[in-house]
Amino acid sequence: MARMFGTDGVRGIANQDLTCEMAYMLGQASAAVLASDVHRPTILVGRDTRLSGEMLESAMVAGICSVGARAVLVGIMPTPAIAYLTRYYEADAGCVISASHNTVEYNGIKYFDKHGHKLIDALEDRIEVIVKEGLPKDFVLPVGTQIGRPVHQFNAARRYIDFIQSSLDVRLDGLHVVLDCANGAAYDVAPAVFKELGAKVSMYYHEPDGTNINDHCGSMHPQRLSELVKEHGADVGFAFDGDADRVIASDERGKLVDGDQMMALLAVYMKEKNMLPTNTLVATVMSNMGLDIAMKERGIKLIKTKVGDRYVLEKMREENHMLGGEQSGHVIMRAFNTTGDGILTALQVLSAMVHAKTSLSALAGVMQVMPQSLYAAHVSDDKKDTFSSNPRVQEMIREIENKYEGKGRLLVRASGTEPLVRVMIEGPYQREIDADVYRLSKLIEKELN
């Protein structure tokens, strides 16, 4: 049976894959794993703006309370806010009900431990066993006054805003910033952060109705952000995803700046400020080869992990590195937070601009992006890992690898959160790599479906 937890928690179509029954069991199981004979755990619960969020939250909180634990509800909140608030309120764990960058029909449940880090595999496995097999036979459900109680924490957003602003040592007066909040969890918090720091803010996609999260907006669809920055003559623009743990930027000319480019400029900035003690940046195998070149030219070591911000953070913690992230816009700055934080990343990019007294286009020029083509082949969850054993797929993979040897690279991987096999090629000619990515992706779909 496939593992319930992917690289970013449990995720699926709400009310179909991720049901209320599963949410109840996940709440019950997570609280039971944290409980002991003398301890009744507290779990902080937040969510994004999608329609199914309140339904799943109710079910999950019922599960938490059913085993005598306490649920602290903070409402709509960015994922990185939950990582911070779990520490601030000294909860035993934090839970986010969100499907991040996915469209409205999806939802997900992911956890942080009391230190604000994603749960280790062993803890997730213990939770999964209880969800699938039920509570241990010797576990006694509480009754009477021992049943858990949900409480609402109404000032949580203010705590997070104060925290995120404290990461900055400059004001943003005179800067015009365009924000695309993806009709998601950042819709209220992000504008407040930037306005209070003195920036002129033009807000878009900040009116969630439960159904429009990530709907042709946000970090997955940043083209409109580029247009808006040019229309307003703004200094910079930032597009968050549905739970605001990632961000894509636009410079003053309307040119997009992705996670690789932001990591590159932040690595240089942090090195200059003596905030990069190991002189190392941690990225993933998906990062553009231009990042390798830029870091080598500036004497900064680059380490790559497999795809997933949890693996980036594991390497950062293991070797005490302070900066890491993904091309998709997950950027982790361990001096400030324990997970990718889109708003924090945007603030630090602005800080670099203010300190250097220059534009984002000038700072992002530290890295030249090599032509890259990406395609997501749609394959069922139970088949997506079989591409590595399919003879026809492997034959074409070898052909393409030989073609680009010494002048580019091919990467094929099964998604950790969606029913997809992602194909990426970097090489000298865009039209050529686009064609090769497309034909390999279509072969994968044909063979595995």
Protein backbone atom coordinates (compact mmCIF):
# COMPACT_ATOMS: atom_id res chain seq x y z
CA MET A 1 0.00 0.00 0.00
CA ALA A 2 1.33 3.48 -0.91
CA ARG A 3 2.53 5.69 1.91
CA MET A 4 -0.15 8.19 3.00
CA PHE A 5 2.33 11.00 3.67
CA GLY A 6 4.04 12.56 0.66
CA THR A 7 6.88 15.08 0.69
CA ASP A 8 4.53 17.72 2.08
CA GLY A 9 2.00 15.92 4.26
CA VAL A 10 -1.23 14.24 3.18
CA ARG A 11 -2.83 15.68 0.07
CA GLY A 12 -5.67 14.85 -2.31
CA ILE A 13 -9.06 15.93 -3.63
CA ALA A 14 -11.13 17.09 -0.67
CA ASN A 15 -14.14 14.91 0.17
CA GLN A 16 -12.87 12.23 -2.20
CA ASP A 17 -9.26 11.36 -1.35
CA LEU A 18 -9.01 13.52 1.76
CA THR A 19 -12.32 12.88 3.53
CA CYS A 20 -13.71 14.14 6.82
CA GLU A 21 -13.23 10.64 8.22
CA MET A 22 -9.53 10.77 7.31
CA ALA A 23 -9.16 14.27 8.77
CA TYR A 24 -10.80 13.06 12.00
CA MET A 25 -8.46 10.07 12.16
CA LEU A 26 -5.41 12.22 11.42
CA GLY A 27 -6.40 14.58 14.24
CA GLN A 28 -6.97 11.69 16.61
CA ALA A 29 -3.81 9.85 15.59
CA SER A 30 -1.50 12.89 15.77
CA ALA A 31 -2.77 13.81 19.24
CA ALA A 32 -2.52 10.20 20.42
CA VAL A 33 1.09 9.93 19.22
CA LEU A 34 1.99 13.09 21.15
CA ALA A 35 0.07 12.12 24.29
CA SER A 36 1.36 10.30 27.36
CA ASP A 37 -0.10 9.22 30.68
CA VAL A 38 0.74 12.59 32.21
CA HIS A 39 0.55 14.90 29.22
CA ARG A 40 -2.41 16.20 27.24
CA PRO A 41 -0.92 17.79 24.12
CA THR A 42 -1.80 21.10 22.51
CA ILE A 43 -1.99 21.25 18.71
CA LEU A 44 -2.13 24.57 16.85
CA VAL A 45 -4.39 24.44 13.77
CA GLY A 46 -4.43 26.85 10.84
CA ARG A 47 -5.75 26.70 7.27
CA ASP A 48 -5.80 28.49 3.95
CA THR A 49 -8.83 30.01 2.22
CA ARG A 50 -10.17 27.09 0.20
CA LEU A 51 -13.81 26.07 0.60
CA SER A 52 -13.10 22.65 2.10
CA GLY A 53 -10.86 24.07 4.81
CA GLU A 54 -13.51 24.68 7.45
CA MET A 55 -15.08 21.27 6.86
CA LEU A 56 -11.77 19.45 7.30
CA GLU A 57 -10.78 21.69 10.21
CA SER A 58 -13.96 20.76 12.08
CA ALA A 59 -13.34 17.06 11.53
CA MET A 60 -9.70 17.28 12.52
CA VAL A 61 -10.38 19.29 15.67
CA ALA A 62 -13.02 16.73 16.67
CA GLY A 63 -10.37 14.02 16.34
CA ILE A 64 -7.86 15.99 18.42
CA CYS A 65 -10.37 16.65 21.19
CA SER A 66 -11.65 13.05 21.19
CA VAL A 67 -8.37 11.83 22.70
CA GLY A 68 -8.25 14.56 25.32
CA ALA A 69 -5.93 16.97 23.52
CA ARG A 70 -6.37 20.72 23.14
CA ALA A 71 -6.79 22.36 19.73
CA VAL A 72 -5.80 26.02 19.33
CA LEU A 73 -7.44 27.49 16.23
CA VAL A 74 -5.74 30.46 14.58
CA GLY A 75 -7.92 30.58 11.43
CA ILE A 76 -6.59 31.52 8.01
CA MET A 77 -2.83 31.77 8.28
CA PRO A 78 0.23 31.21 6.04
CA THR A 79 2.01 27.90 6.53
CA PRO A 80 5.24 29.57 7.76
CA ALA A 81 3.17 31.47 10.32
CA ILE A 82 2.07 28.14 11.81
CA ALA A 83 5.72 27.05 12.05
CA TYR A 84 6.51 30.22 14.00
CA LEU A 85 3.33 30.35 16.09
CA THR A 86 3.75 26.74 17.19
CA ARG A 87 7.00 27.85 18.82
CA TYR A 88 5.60 31.15 20.09
CA TYR A 89 2.61 29.57 21.85
CA GLU A 90 4.71 26.59 22.99
CA ALA A 91 2.34 24.08 21.42
CA ASP A 92 3.31 20.42 21.07
CA ALA A 93 2.69 20.50 17.31
CA GLY A 94 1.28 22.65 14.56
CA CYS A 95 -1.06 21.59 11.78
CA VAL A 96 -1.85 23.32 8.49
CA ILE A 97 -4.90 22.44 6.40
CA SER A 98 -3.78 23.50 2.94
CA ALA A 99 -2.94 22.16 -0.50
CA SER A 100 -0.41 24.93 -1.07
CA HIS A 101 -0.21 25.81 -4.79
CA ASN A 102 -2.90 23.31 -5.91
CA THR A 103 -6.31 24.32 -7.21
CA VAL A 104 -9.43 24.55 -5.06
CA GLU A 105 -10.61 20.94 -5.31
CA TYR A 106 -7.47 19.77 -3.50
CA ASN A 107 -6.64 20.09 0.16
CA GLY A 108 -4.00 18.72 2.46
CA ILE A 109 -2.89 18.28 6.05
CA LYS A 110 0.71 18.78 7.13
CA TYR A 111 2.37 18.98 10.52
CA PHE A 112 5.16 20.79 12.33
CA ASP A 113 6.76 19.58 15.53
CA LYS A 114 7.09 21.82 18.60
CA HIS A 115 10.26 23.36 17.16
CA GLY A 116 8.51 24.38 13.93
CA HIS A 117 10.09 21.66 11.79
CA LYS A 118 8.20 19.24 9.56
CA LEU A 119 7.69 15.87 11.23
CA ILE A 120 10.32 13.22 10.67
CA ASP A 121 9.28 10.15 8.66
CA ALA A 122 9.18 7.95 11.76
CA LEU A 123 6.53 10.12 13.44
CA GLU A 124 4.49 10.33 10.25
CA ASP A 125 4.65 6.54 10.02
CA ARG A 126 3.32 6.18 13.59
CA ILE A 127 0.43 8.50 12.77
CA GLU A 128 -0.28 6.61 9.54
CA VAL A 129 -0.45 3.26 11.35
CA ILE A 130 -3.15 4.59 13.70
CA VAL A 131 -5.12 6.11 10.80
CA LYS A 132 -5.10 2.78 8.97
CA GLU A 133 -5.44 0.38 11.90
CA GLY A 134 -7.16 2.44 14.62
CA LEU A 135 -6.04 3.41 18.10
CA PRO A 136 -4.08 0.85 20.13
CA LYS A 137 -6.38 -1.55 22.02
CA ASP A 138 -5.12 -0.31 25.37
CA PHE A 139 -5.86 3.34 24.51
CA VAL A 140 -8.78 4.59 26.62
CA LEU A 141 -10.86 7.41 25.15
CA PRO A 142 -11.50 10.14 27.75
CA VAL A 143 -14.93 11.05 29.05
CA GLY A 144 -16.41 13.85 31.11
CA THR A 145 -14.01 16.66 31.95
CA GLN A 146 -11.09 14.85 30.31
CA ILE A 147 -12.38 15.44 26.76
CA GLY A 148 -10.33 18.02 24.88
CA ARG A 149 -11.52 21.51 24.08
CA PRO A 150 -10.95 23.77 21.06
CA VAL A 151 -9.98 27.39 21.75
CA HIS A 152 -9.59 30.32 19.35
CA GLN A 153 -6.44 32.47 19.37
CA PHE A 154 -7.53 35.77 17.88
CA ASN A 155 -4.25 37.73 18.03
CA ALA A 156 -2.11 35.17 16.20
CA ALA A 157 -1.88 37.21 12.98
CA ARG A 158 -0.49 40.19 14.89
CA ARG A 159 2.15 37.99 16.51
CA TYR A 160 3.28 36.74 13.10
CA ILE A 161 3.29 40.22 11.55
CA ASP A 162 5.47 41.54 14.39
CA PHE A 163 7.83 38.59 14.00
CA ILE A 164 8.19 38.90 10.25
CA GLN A 165 8.79 42.65 10.42
CA SER A 166 11.49 42.17 13.07
CA SER A 167 13.64 40.38 10.47
CA LEU A 168 14.22 43.69 8.69
CA ASP A 169 16.73 46.38 9.69
CA VAL A 170 15.51 48.92 7.12
CA ARG A 171 12.32 50.76 6.21
CA LEU A 172 10.61 50.40 2.83
CA ASP A 173 9.59 54.04 2.44
CA GLY A 174 9.57 55.16 -1.18
CA LEU A 175 9.28 51.67 -2.64
CA HIS A 176 6.23 50.73 -4.72
CA VAL A 177 5.41 47.04 -4.34
CA VAL A 178 2.78 45.01 -6.23
CA LEU A 179 1.43 41.99 -4.34
CA ASP A 180 -0.40 38.98 -5.80
CA CYS A 181 -1.77 37.09 -2.80
CA ALA A 182 -3.20 34.18 -4.85
CA ASN A 183 -6.57 34.67 -3.07
CA GLY A 184 -4.89 32.56 -0.41
CA ALA A 185 -3.61 32.64 3.14
CA ALA A 186 -1.50 35.79 2.64
CA TYR A 187 -4.44 37.92 1.52
CA ASP A 188 -4.67 39.88 4.78
CA VAL A 189 -1.28 39.44 6.45
CA ALA A 190 1.02 40.31 3.51
CA PRO A 191 -0.44 43.75 2.68
CA ALA A 192 -0.29 44.70 6.37
CA VAL A 193 3.39 43.71 6.63
CA PHE A 194 4.51 45.81 3.66
CA LYS A 195 2.28 48.83 4.36
CA GLU A 196 3.37 49.09 7.98
CA LEU A 197 7.01 49.10 6.85
CA GLY A 198 6.32 52.16 4.69
CA ALA A 199 5.94 50.69 1.20
CA LYS A 200 3.31 51.81 -1.26
CA VAL A 201 1.35 48.63 -1.94
CA SER A 202 -0.83 47.76 -4.93
CA MET A 203 -2.82 44.64 -4.04
CA TYR A 204 -4.25 42.03 -6.37
CA TYR A 205 -5.91 38.64 -5.91
CA HIS A 206 -6.52 39.43 -2.25
CA GLU A 207 -10.27 38.77 -2.15
CA PRO A 208 -10.71 35.05 -1.46
CA ASP A 209 -14.20 33.57 -1.77
CA GLY A 210 -13.32 29.97 -0.99
CA THR A 211 -13.21 28.94 -4.65
CA ASN A 212 -10.64 31.24 -6.30
CA ILE A 213 -7.42 30.25 -4.52
CA ASN A 214 -4.52 29.90 -7.03
CA ASP A 215 -7.04 30.48 -9.84
CA HIS A 216 -4.80 31.84 -12.63
CA CYS A 217 -2.91 33.88 -10.08
CA GLY A 218 -0.16 33.55 -7.51
CA SER A 219 3.29 32.00 -7.87
CA MET A 220 2.06 29.33 -10.29
CA HIS A 221 0.71 31.98 -12.68
CA PRO A 222 2.97 35.04 -12.25
CA GLN A 223 2.56 36.45 -15.77
CA ARG A 224 -0.13 38.90 -14.65
CA LEU A 225 2.19 40.12 -11.88
CA SER A 226 4.77 41.10 -14.50
CA GLU A 227 2.15 43.06 -16.42
CA LEU A 228 0.93 44.82 -13.28
CA VAL A 229 4.43 45.87 -12.24
CA LYS A 230 4.95 47.50 -15.64
CA GLU A 231 1.47 49.08 -15.66
CA HIS A 232 2.04 50.66 -12.25
CA GLY A 233 5.67 51.58 -12.87
CA ALA A 234 6.37 49.78 -9.59
CA ASP A 235 9.80 48.92 -8.20
CA VAL A 236 9.04 45.25 -7.66
CA GLY A 237 6.26 42.67 -7.47
CA PHE A 238 5.77 39.48 -5.47
CA ALA A 239 3.38 36.59 -6.14
CA PHE A 240 2.74 34.13 -3.29
CA ASP A 241 1.16 30.70 -3.52
CA GLY A 242 -1.99 29.60 -1.68
CA ASP A 243 -0.31 29.06 1.69
CA ALA A 244 2.42 31.69 1.19
CA ASP A 245 5.42 29.43 1.80
CA ARG A 246 6.77 30.28 -1.66
CA VAL A 247 7.13 33.44 -3.72
CA ILE A 248 8.04 34.44 -7.28
CA ALA A 249 9.16 38.02 -7.93
CA SER A 250 9.02 40.44 -10.84
CA ASP A 251 11.66 43.12 -11.32
CA GLU A 252 10.88 46.70 -12.34
CA ARG A 253 10.97 45.77 -16.03
CA GLY A 254 8.38 43.02 -15.60
CA LYS A 255 10.92 40.20 -15.86
CA LEU A 256 10.22 37.26 -13.56
CA VAL A 257 12.74 36.34 -10.88
CA ASP A 258 12.39 32.74 -9.66
CA GLY A 259 13.58 30.95 -6.54
CA ASP A 260 17.01 30.16 -7.99
CA GLN A 261 17.68 33.82 -8.79
CA MET A 262 16.42 34.99 -5.40
CA MET A 263 18.64 32.43 -3.65
CA ALA A 264 21.61 33.60 -5.73
CA LEU A 265 21.19 37.27 -4.87
CA LEU A 266 20.43 36.49 -1.23
CA ALA A 267 23.52 34.28 -0.96
CA VAL A 268 25.70 37.15 -2.20
CA TYR A 269 23.89 39.63 0.10
CA MET A 270 24.17 37.36 3.14
CA LYS A 271 27.84 36.66 2.46
CA GLU A 272 28.51 40.41 2.42
CA LYS A 273 26.65 40.78 5.75
CA ASN A 274 28.48 37.82 7.36
CA MET A 275 25.21 35.91 7.59
CA LEU A 276 26.46 32.90 5.63
CA PRO A 277 28.83 31.30 8.15
CA THR A 278 29.42 28.08 6.18
CA ASN A 279 29.64 29.98 2.88
CA THR A 280 27.14 27.47 1.47
CA LEU A 281 23.80 27.50 -0.35
CA VAL A 282 21.60 24.38 -0.36
CA ALA A 283 19.35 23.85 -3.41
CA THR A 284 17.80 20.84 -5.18
CA VAL A 285 18.57 18.91 -8.34
CA MET A 286 15.87 20.97 -10.09
CA SER A 287 17.87 24.20 -9.72
CA ASN A 288 19.12 25.74 -12.95
CA MET A 289 22.74 25.17 -13.95
CA GLY A 290 23.10 28.94 -14.00
CA LEU A 291 22.95 28.84 -10.20
CA ASP A 292 25.96 26.48 -10.12
CA ILE A 293 27.93 28.88 -12.31
CA ALA A 294 26.96 32.01 -10.33
CA MET A 295 27.89 30.50 -6.98
CA LYS A 296 31.19 29.14 -8.28
CA GLU A 297 32.13 32.57 -9.65
CA ARG A 298 31.51 34.14 -6.22
CA GLY A 299 33.23 31.50 -4.16
CA ILE A 300 30.05 30.15 -2.56
CA LYS A 301 29.64 26.39 -2.21
CA LEU A 302 26.44 24.88 -3.66
CA ILE A 303 25.00 21.62 -2.32
CA LYS A 304 22.05 19.91 -4.03
CA THR A 305 19.48 17.57 -2.49
CA LYS A 306 16.55 15.65 -3.95
CA VAL A 307 13.41 17.67 -4.62
CA GLY A 308 11.39 18.80 -1.61
CA ASP A 309 11.96 21.64 0.83
CA ARG A 310 12.02 19.12 3.71
CA TYR A 311 15.16 17.55 2.23
CA VAL A 312 16.76 20.96 1.78
CA LEU A 313 16.05 21.79 5.42
CA GLU A 314 17.36 18.41 6.60
CA LYS A 315 20.70 19.11 4.91
CA MET A 316 20.76 22.67 6.27
CA ARG A 317 20.17 21.48 9.84
CA GLU A 318 22.58 18.58 9.50
CA GLU A 319 25.47 20.82 8.43
CA ASN A 320 24.32 24.15 9.97
CA HIS A 321 23.80 25.99 6.68
CA MET A 322 21.69 29.16 6.83
CA LEU A 323 20.26 29.55 3.31
CA GLY A 324 18.55 27.07 1.03
CA GLY A 325 15.51 26.48 -1.12
CA GLU A 326 13.96 25.51 -4.41
CA GLN A 327 13.54 26.98 -7.87
CA SER A 328 9.77 27.07 -7.23
CA GLY A 329 10.22 29.88 -4.70
CA HIS A 330 10.54 27.98 -1.42
CA VAL A 331 13.40 29.85 0.25
CA ILE A 332 14.51 28.92 3.76
CA MET A 333 16.47 31.42 5.86
CA ARG A 334 17.23 29.63 9.10
CA ALA A 335 18.28 32.80 10.89
CA PHE A 336 14.61 33.78 10.86
CA ASN A 337 12.26 30.81 10.34
CA THR A 338 12.27 27.02 10.18
CA THR A 339 10.53 26.60 6.84
CA GLY A 340 10.05 28.32 3.48
CA ASP A 341 8.43 31.71 4.01
CA GLY A 342 7.28 33.74 1.00
CA ILE A 343 6.69 37.00 2.85
CA LEU A 344 10.00 36.78 4.70
CA THR A 345 11.83 36.05 1.45
CA ALA A 346 10.21 39.06 -0.23
CA LEU A 347 11.26 41.30 2.68
CA GLN A 348 14.86 40.09 2.54
CA VAL A 349 14.98 40.70 -1.23
CA LEU A 350 13.77 44.25 -0.57
CA SER A 351 16.36 44.61 2.20
CA ALA A 352 19.08 43.64 -0.29
CA MET A 353 17.75 46.26 -2.73
CA VAL A 354 17.68 49.00 -0.05
CA HIS A 355 21.18 48.19 1.24
CA ALA A 356 22.64 48.08 -2.27
CA LYS A 357 20.59 51.11 -3.38
CA THR A 358 19.85 49.37 -6.64
CA SER A 359 17.07 47.62 -8.56
CA LEU A 360 15.98 44.00 -8.44
CA SER A 361 17.05 43.54 -12.07
CA ALA A 362 20.59 44.56 -11.13
CA LEU A 363 20.70 42.19 -8.15
CA ALA A 364 19.14 39.28 -10.06
CA GLY A 365 21.78 39.74 -12.75
CA VAL A 366 24.17 37.88 -10.50
CA MET A 367 22.81 34.72 -12.16
CA GLN A 368 22.29 34.04 -15.84
CA VAL A 369 19.51 31.48 -16.36
CA MET A 370 20.33 28.63 -18.74
CA PRO A 371 17.47 27.69 -21.13
CA GLN A 372 15.23 25.18 -19.36
CA SER A 373 12.08 23.29 -20.32
CA LEU A 374 9.66 21.61 -17.92
CA TYR A 375 6.63 19.38 -18.49
CA ALA A 376 4.43 17.44 -16.08
CA ALA A 377 3.27 14.11 -17.50
CA HIS A 378 -0.07 13.08 -15.98
CA VAL A 379 0.21 9.56 -14.54
CA SER A 380 -1.83 7.90 -11.79
CA ASP A 381 -0.35 7.87 -8.30
CA ASP A 382 0.11 4.10 -8.29
CA LYS A 383 1.97 4.13 -11.62
CA LYS A 384 4.09 7.29 -11.46
CA ASP A 385 7.14 5.56 -9.95
CA THR A 386 7.23 2.85 -12.63
CA PHE A 387 8.85 5.07 -15.28
CA SER A 388 12.24 3.89 -14.01
CA SER A 389 11.48 0.27 -14.98
CA ASN A 390 9.65 0.83 -18.28
CA PRO A 391 11.95 -0.29 -21.16
CA ARG A 392 10.68 2.19 -23.78
CA VAL A 393 10.83 5.14 -21.39
CA GLN A 394 14.32 4.18 -20.25
CA GLU A 395 15.48 3.82 -23.86
CA MET A 396 14.40 7.39 -24.67
CA ILE A 397 15.92 8.69 -21.42
CA ARG A 398 19.29 7.19 -22.40
CA GLU A 399 18.99 8.67 -25.90
CA ILE A 400 18.32 12.18 -24.54
CA GLU A 401 21.04 11.91 -21.89
CA ASN A 402 23.58 11.02 -24.57
CA LYS A 403 22.39 13.92 -26.72
CA TYR A 404 22.95 16.53 -23.99
CA GLU A 405 26.05 15.06 -22.38
CA GLY A 406 28.55 17.84 -21.72
CA LYS A 407 26.17 20.65 -22.75
CA GLY A 408 23.06 20.20 -20.61
CA ARG A 409 21.16 17.69 -18.52
CA LEU A 410 17.92 15.69 -18.20
CA LEU A 411 16.01 15.13 -14.96
CA VAL A 412 12.95 12.84 -14.66
CA ARG A 413 11.20 12.38 -11.32
CA ALA A 414 7.85 11.36 -9.86
CA SER A 415 6.10 14.18 -7.99
CA GLY A 416 5.91 13.71 -4.23
CA THR A 417 2.53 15.44 -3.91
CA GLU A 418 0.64 14.98 -7.22
CA PRO A 419 -0.10 12.26 -9.82
CA LEU A 420 2.63 13.53 -12.13
CA VAL A 421 6.03 12.61 -13.55
CA ARG A 422 8.05 15.78 -14.06
CA VAL A 423 10.49 16.04 -16.96
CA MET A 424 13.12 18.78 -17.13
CA ILE A 425 15.87 19.44 -19.69
CA GLU A 426 18.48 22.20 -19.68
CA GLY A 427 20.46 22.86 -22.83
CA PRO A 428 21.70 25.52 -25.23
CA TYR A 429 18.64 25.86 -27.51
CA GLN A 430 15.12 26.46 -26.17
CA ARG A 431 13.20 25.10 -29.16
CA GLU A 432 15.22 21.87 -29.16
CA ILE A 433 14.83 21.17 -25.43
CA ASP A 434 11.10 22.01 -25.60
CA ALA A 435 10.65 19.36 -28.31
CA ASP A 436 12.63 16.72 -26.41
CA VAL A 437 10.79 17.37 -23.13
CA TYR A 438 7.45 17.09 -24.90
CA ARG A 439 8.15 13.82 -26.70
CA LEU A 440 9.55 12.13 -23.57
CA SER A 441 6.60 13.36 -21.47
CA LYS A 442 4.07 12.07 -23.99
CA LEU A 443 5.82 8.70 -24.14
CA ILE A 444 5.63 8.47 -20.33
CA GLU A 445 1.91 9.23 -20.41
CA LYS A 446 1.32 6.68 -23.18
CA GLU A 447 3.37 3.90 -21.56
CA LEU A 448 2.27 4.35 -17.93
CA ASN A 449 -1.41 5.03 -18.54
